[in-house]
Every structure is written in C-alpha cells, then in structure tokens.
Amino acid sequence: MNETSIKQHSLGESIAYHLLPGVAILAGYVIITPFIRRAGLPSAIGISLAVLFVLVPLELGILFWQGKRRNGKFSLEGIVLNREKTPAPQFALWTFVALFAAVLCFALLGWLDKIFITFFDWLPTWFFVNEDMSVYSKTIQFVNWLAIVLITGILAPYVEELYFRGFLLPRLAWTKGWAPLLEAFLFALYHFWSPWQLVTRTLAVLALVYIVNWKRNLRIGVAAHWLLNVVGSLELLVAVFK
C-alpha cells in the first residue's frame, strides 16, 4: 500500500498518538514503583511492569481498534504498514547501520545525559533506574535482568516498532523529508520516564527511523531495536556473575 494513499494524521493527531501512551506509561511507573521499592526491588522492575501492563496492551489495543474500524474485524491489515521485503544481505547491512548509529550516539553523548539529568534532581530517587545494582542479591539482579531482556528488550521493541514505525510513521508522509526527524523526536519525547535522554535518544534512533522509512521495512527497525536493547542489558548480566 502506498503511504500517500492512506489517511494522514494531522500534526495534532500525530502528537497525541505519540505522546499519550507515554503519559500512561509514566503514570503506571509512578504508581507501581514506590510499591516495588518498598518490597526491596530495583526501580527497573517498575519500568518492566509498566511496559508489560500499560505499554503493550495500550499500543496493541490502539492498533487493533484501528483495525476494527477499518476492516470490521481485529486485524492489522492496512494499519501497520512498512512491510516491504529487503534482500537478506541488505537487511543485515541496514540493521547493523541502525544499531551502530544508535550505540555510537549513546556512547558519545552520555556526558550530555549527565548534564540534563541534573535538571531533574527534584524527582524522588526511586524515579531513576540507573541505580547501584550491587546492593541487591544476585537473585534479584538476575530477575531484574531477565525482566529487562524479555519485556523491555524483546516485547516492548516489537510492539513499539509496530506502533511507531508501522502505524504512525507512514501517516506522517505528508511532512515528506521531515517525517523521520519528527517521528524520532516524538518517539524520544514519549519516553517521559527518562526525559534527560531526549536529545541523545532522538539522535540515536534517527538512523533507524530514516532507514525504515526509506526501505519501507519495519523488520529492520524491529531487529535493530531488539539488538540495541538486549546489548544494552549485557552489563547487568555480567554484574550478576561477578
């Protein structure tokens, strides 16, 4: 299906579709995490539970609701686009490019996050997930890592790519060359639970969004997003076995 032939979202609609799920996830995190901390568990588990019980059902629910309106049944046909195929060598190449660009940005711009996070020191300490995990038992550290890999490393990226790059990005086609930049920025802004990473995350996902938009292949985004999140969790796994 040609993206220009589908109903486009206005700027206001696109902003709402991008950001309202983030508000709901933030609310879930804020509600869940104090209980998690009182149970002696790390804040990251609060994020994992917010993803599992808010992000996944909400974003999939919107997609299937749209499918019901369009198709008369709960189907993603005509809703999730960017499903064109890419030859395997190109698929591997562009997945690597998207992954490398994201890793490079996060590595080089970590200093910027440290500056921006100081503007949020008024938030309670449990809000920040980058805590010292060595204070927890090895069992808790392993459970936390497993939740991060399965929920925020595999499940969340899959749903987010369907929602953001499969549903929302094609409906920004009216902005032409600005679509990848606008979508990357709104996707970064949607992460209200880590607002200090807005600039870094925008730049980190920009290559991924551009490649998916160019190749019309959502699977590249899924693969790169999976690898990025899983690779990012390996440091936690290493700490478990020290």
Protein backbone atom coordinates (compact mmCIF):
# COMPACT_ATOMS: atom_id res chain seq x y z
CA MET A 1 0.00 0.00 0.00
CA ASN A 2 1.31 3.44 -0.92
CA GLU A 3 1.70 5.54 2.24
CA THR A 4 0.48 8.64 0.44
CA SER A 5 -2.82 6.87 -0.30
CA ILE A 6 -3.69 6.31 3.36
CA LYS A 7 -5.35 8.84 5.61
CA GLN A 8 -2.65 11.06 7.05
CA HIS A 9 -2.62 12.27 10.64
CA SER A 10 -2.68 15.97 11.33
CA LEU A 11 0.22 17.27 13.40
CA GLY A 12 -2.04 17.41 16.45
CA GLU A 13 -3.25 13.83 15.93
CA SER A 14 0.30 12.59 15.46
CA ILE A 15 1.50 14.32 18.63
CA ALA A 16 -1.41 12.83 20.59
CA TYR A 17 -0.85 9.31 19.24
CA HIS A 18 2.86 9.56 20.01
CA LEU A 19 2.72 11.09 23.46
CA LEU A 20 -0.46 9.92 25.21
CA PRO A 21 0.81 6.32 25.56
CA GLY A 22 3.95 7.78 27.13
CA VAL A 23 1.84 9.67 29.66
CA ALA A 24 0.01 6.44 30.53
CA ILE A 25 3.27 4.51 30.89
CA LEU A 26 4.70 7.24 33.12
CA ALA A 27 1.58 7.12 35.29
CA GLY A 28 1.88 3.34 35.58
CA TYR A 29 5.55 3.64 36.51
CA VAL A 30 4.87 6.33 39.13
CA ILE A 31 2.08 4.25 40.68
CA ILE A 32 3.88 0.89 40.63
CA THR A 33 7.47 1.76 41.53
CA PRO A 34 7.05 3.02 45.13
CA PHE A 35 5.50 -0.36 45.98
CA ILE A 36 8.32 -2.13 44.15
CA ARG A 37 10.92 -0.18 46.16
CA ARG A 38 9.17 -0.89 49.45
CA ALA A 39 9.38 -4.58 48.54
CA GLY A 40 13.17 -4.18 48.29
CA LEU A 41 13.32 -4.39 44.50
CA PRO A 42 15.02 -2.06 41.97
CA SER A 43 13.15 0.66 40.11
CA ALA A 44 13.87 -1.03 36.77
CA ILE A 45 11.34 -3.71 37.68
CA GLY A 46 8.75 -0.93 37.96
CA ILE A 47 9.53 0.08 34.38
CA SER A 48 9.30 -3.55 33.22
CA LEU A 49 5.86 -3.92 34.86
CA ALA A 50 4.65 -0.60 33.41
CA VAL A 51 5.73 -1.81 29.98
CA LEU A 52 4.00 -5.16 30.44
CA PHE A 53 0.72 -3.86 31.86
CA VAL A 54 0.44 -0.44 30.18
CA LEU A 55 2.61 -0.09 27.06
CA VAL A 56 1.87 -3.45 25.46
CA PRO A 57 -1.92 -3.59 25.92
CA LEU A 58 -2.40 0.12 25.19
CA GLU A 59 -0.38 0.33 21.97
CA LEU A 60 -1.62 -3.02 20.66
CA GLY A 61 -5.14 -2.01 21.68
CA ILE A 62 -4.93 1.18 19.61
CA LEU A 63 -3.67 -0.78 16.61
CA PHE A 64 -6.39 -3.43 16.78
CA TRP A 65 -9.06 -0.79 17.46
CA GLN A 66 -7.95 1.00 14.30
CA GLY A 67 -8.06 -2.35 12.50
CA LYS A 68 -11.59 -3.00 13.73
CA ARG A 69 -12.71 0.41 12.45
CA ARG A 70 -11.09 -0.10 9.06
CA ASN A 71 -11.61 -3.81 8.42
CA GLY A 72 -14.63 -4.67 10.53
CA LYS A 73 -12.52 -7.15 12.49
CA PHE A 74 -9.48 -7.12 14.75
CA SER A 75 -6.86 -7.08 12.03
CA LEU A 76 -3.73 -5.04 11.37
CA GLU A 77 -4.25 -5.13 7.61
CA GLY A 78 -3.87 -1.60 6.26
CA ILE A 79 -3.00 -0.34 9.74
CA VAL A 80 0.59 -1.50 10.24
CA LEU A 81 2.49 -0.63 7.06
CA ASN A 82 6.18 -0.61 6.03
CA ARG A 83 6.05 -4.35 5.38
CA GLU A 84 8.10 -4.48 2.19
CA LYS A 85 10.79 -7.15 1.99
CA THR A 86 14.52 -6.46 1.76
CA PRO A 87 17.10 -8.97 0.47
CA ALA A 88 18.92 -10.68 3.34
CA PRO A 89 22.34 -9.05 2.77
CA GLN A 90 20.76 -5.57 2.67
CA PHE A 91 18.62 -6.41 5.68
CA ALA A 92 21.73 -7.35 7.68
CA LEU A 93 23.64 -4.29 6.47
CA TRP A 94 20.95 -1.73 7.30
CA THR A 95 20.17 -3.38 10.63
CA PHE A 96 23.85 -3.07 11.53
CA VAL A 97 23.96 0.57 10.38
CA ALA A 98 20.92 1.46 12.50
CA LEU A 99 22.34 -0.40 15.50
CA PHE A 100 25.83 1.08 15.13
CA ALA A 101 24.47 4.64 14.83
CA ALA A 102 22.36 4.21 17.97
CA VAL A 103 25.18 2.66 20.02
CA LEU A 104 27.58 5.39 18.88
CA CYS A 105 25.18 8.16 19.88
CA PHE A 106 24.52 6.70 23.31
CA ALA A 107 28.25 6.17 23.85
CA LEU A 108 29.36 9.61 22.70
CA LEU A 109 26.54 11.62 24.23
CA GLY A 110 26.42 10.06 27.68
CA TRP A 111 28.01 13.22 29.05
CA LEU A 112 25.05 15.22 27.75
CA ASP A 113 22.60 12.99 29.60
CA LYS A 114 24.58 13.56 32.81
CA ILE A 115 24.17 17.31 32.39
CA PHE A 116 20.45 17.16 31.61
CA ILE A 117 19.70 14.74 34.45
CA THR A 118 20.80 17.40 36.94
CA PHE A 119 17.72 19.42 35.95
CA PHE A 120 15.57 16.59 37.31
CA ASP A 121 17.20 16.18 40.73
CA TRP A 122 13.90 17.31 42.28
CA LEU A 123 12.41 13.92 41.39
CA PRO A 124 12.37 11.18 44.07
CA THR A 125 15.43 8.92 44.00
CA TRP A 126 13.34 5.87 43.07
CA PHE A 127 12.41 7.55 39.77
CA PHE A 128 15.91 6.93 38.40
CA VAL A 129 16.58 3.41 37.17
CA ASN A 130 20.36 3.81 36.85
CA GLU A 131 20.95 2.79 40.46
CA ASP A 132 23.74 0.72 42.02
CA MET A 133 22.59 -2.87 41.48
CA SER A 134 25.34 -4.29 43.71
CA VAL A 135 23.20 -3.55 46.78
CA TYR A 136 20.75 -6.25 45.67
CA SER A 137 21.18 -10.02 45.92
CA LYS A 138 22.33 -11.96 42.87
CA THR A 139 18.86 -13.50 42.59
CA ILE A 140 17.18 -10.08 42.42
CA GLN A 141 19.80 -8.86 39.95
CA PHE A 142 19.15 -11.87 37.71
CA VAL A 143 15.36 -11.48 37.89
CA ASN A 144 15.74 -7.79 37.05
CA TRP A 145 17.99 -8.61 34.07
CA LEU A 146 15.61 -11.31 32.84
CA ALA A 147 12.66 -8.90 33.03
CA ILE A 148 14.64 -6.27 31.14
CA VAL A 149 15.60 -8.73 28.38
CA LEU A 150 12.20 -10.35 27.93
CA ILE A 151 9.95 -7.33 28.50
CA THR A 152 11.88 -4.17 27.64
CA GLY A 153 14.40 -5.91 25.39
CA ILE A 154 12.16 -8.07 23.20
CA LEU A 155 8.45 -7.49 23.82
CA ALA A 156 8.44 -3.68 24.07
CA PRO A 157 10.59 -3.04 20.96
CA TYR A 158 8.39 -5.29 18.87
CA VAL A 159 5.20 -3.53 19.93
CA GLU A 160 6.80 -0.08 19.67
CA GLU A 161 8.05 -0.73 16.15
CA LEU A 162 4.58 -1.89 15.07
CA TYR A 163 3.05 1.21 16.64
CA PHE A 164 5.58 3.94 15.87
CA ARG A 165 7.25 2.83 12.64
CA GLY A 166 4.44 0.67 11.26
CA PHE A 167 1.42 2.81 12.19
CA LEU A 168 2.49 6.39 12.94
CA LEU A 169 5.47 6.97 10.65
CA PRO A 170 3.60 6.28 7.36
CA ARG A 171 0.90 8.71 8.45
CA LEU A 172 3.48 11.48 8.63
CA ALA A 173 4.28 11.08 4.94
CA TRP A 174 2.70 14.49 4.29
CA THR A 175 5.69 16.09 6.01
CA LYS A 176 7.90 14.50 3.32
CA GLY A 177 11.61 14.62 4.22
CA TRP A 178 10.84 15.83 7.74
CA ALA A 179 8.94 12.66 8.67
CA PRO A 180 11.91 10.67 10.09
CA LEU A 181 13.21 13.59 12.16
CA LEU A 182 9.75 14.46 13.51
CA GLU A 183 8.99 10.82 14.31
CA ALA A 184 12.36 10.29 16.00
CA PHE A 185 11.84 13.40 18.14
CA LEU A 186 8.30 12.45 19.16
CA PHE A 187 9.39 8.88 19.91
CA ALA A 188 12.17 10.20 22.15
CA LEU A 189 9.80 12.64 23.85
CA TYR A 190 7.34 9.80 24.51
CA HIS A 191 9.88 8.35 26.98
CA PHE A 192 8.67 10.60 29.81
CA TRP A 193 10.28 8.30 32.38
CA SER A 194 13.76 9.33 31.15
CA PRO A 195 13.34 12.91 29.82
CA TRP A 196 17.03 13.73 30.27
CA GLN A 197 17.77 11.47 27.27
CA LEU A 198 15.57 13.44 24.86
CA VAL A 199 18.41 14.77 22.69
CA THR A 200 20.51 11.62 22.81
CA ARG A 201 17.59 9.30 22.10
CA THR A 202 16.36 11.46 19.20
CA LEU A 203 19.75 11.29 17.52
CA ALA A 204 20.22 7.62 18.42
CA VAL A 205 17.02 6.42 16.73
CA LEU A 206 17.16 8.84 13.79
CA ALA A 207 19.12 6.47 11.54
CA LEU A 208 16.75 3.61 12.40
CA VAL A 209 13.67 5.69 11.60
CA TYR A 210 15.21 7.02 8.38
CA ILE A 211 16.16 3.52 7.19
CA VAL A 212 12.72 2.06 7.95
CA ASN A 213 11.08 4.99 6.16
CA TRP A 214 13.42 4.64 3.17
CA LYS A 215 13.36 0.84 2.81
CA ARG A 216 9.70 0.57 3.88
CA ASN A 217 10.77 -2.39 6.00
CA LEU A 218 9.53 -2.46 9.57
CA ARG A 219 11.53 -5.62 10.30
CA ILE A 220 14.82 -3.69 10.10
CA GLY A 221 13.58 -1.45 12.90
CA VAL A 222 12.47 -4.43 14.98
CA ALA A 223 15.81 -6.22 14.58
CA ALA A 224 17.91 -3.13 15.35
CA HIS A 225 15.70 -2.18 18.32
CA TRP A 226 15.91 -5.73 19.70
CA LEU A 227 19.69 -5.82 19.40
CA LEU A 228 20.12 -2.35 20.90
CA ASN A 229 18.05 -3.12 23.98
CA VAL A 230 19.44 -6.61 24.53
CA VAL A 231 23.06 -5.50 24.07
CA GLY A 232 22.38 -2.65 26.50
CA SER A 233 21.37 -5.19 29.16
CA LEU A 234 24.54 -7.29 28.95
CA GLU A 235 26.36 -5.12 31.51
CA LEU A 236 23.70 -6.08 34.06
CA LEU A 237 24.16 -9.77 33.24
CA VAL A 238 27.94 -9.54 33.65
CA ALA A 239 27.43 -7.99 37.08
CA VAL A 240 25.26 -10.95 38.13
CA PHE A 241 28.11 -13.42 37.60
CA LYS A 242 30.92 -11.36 39.11
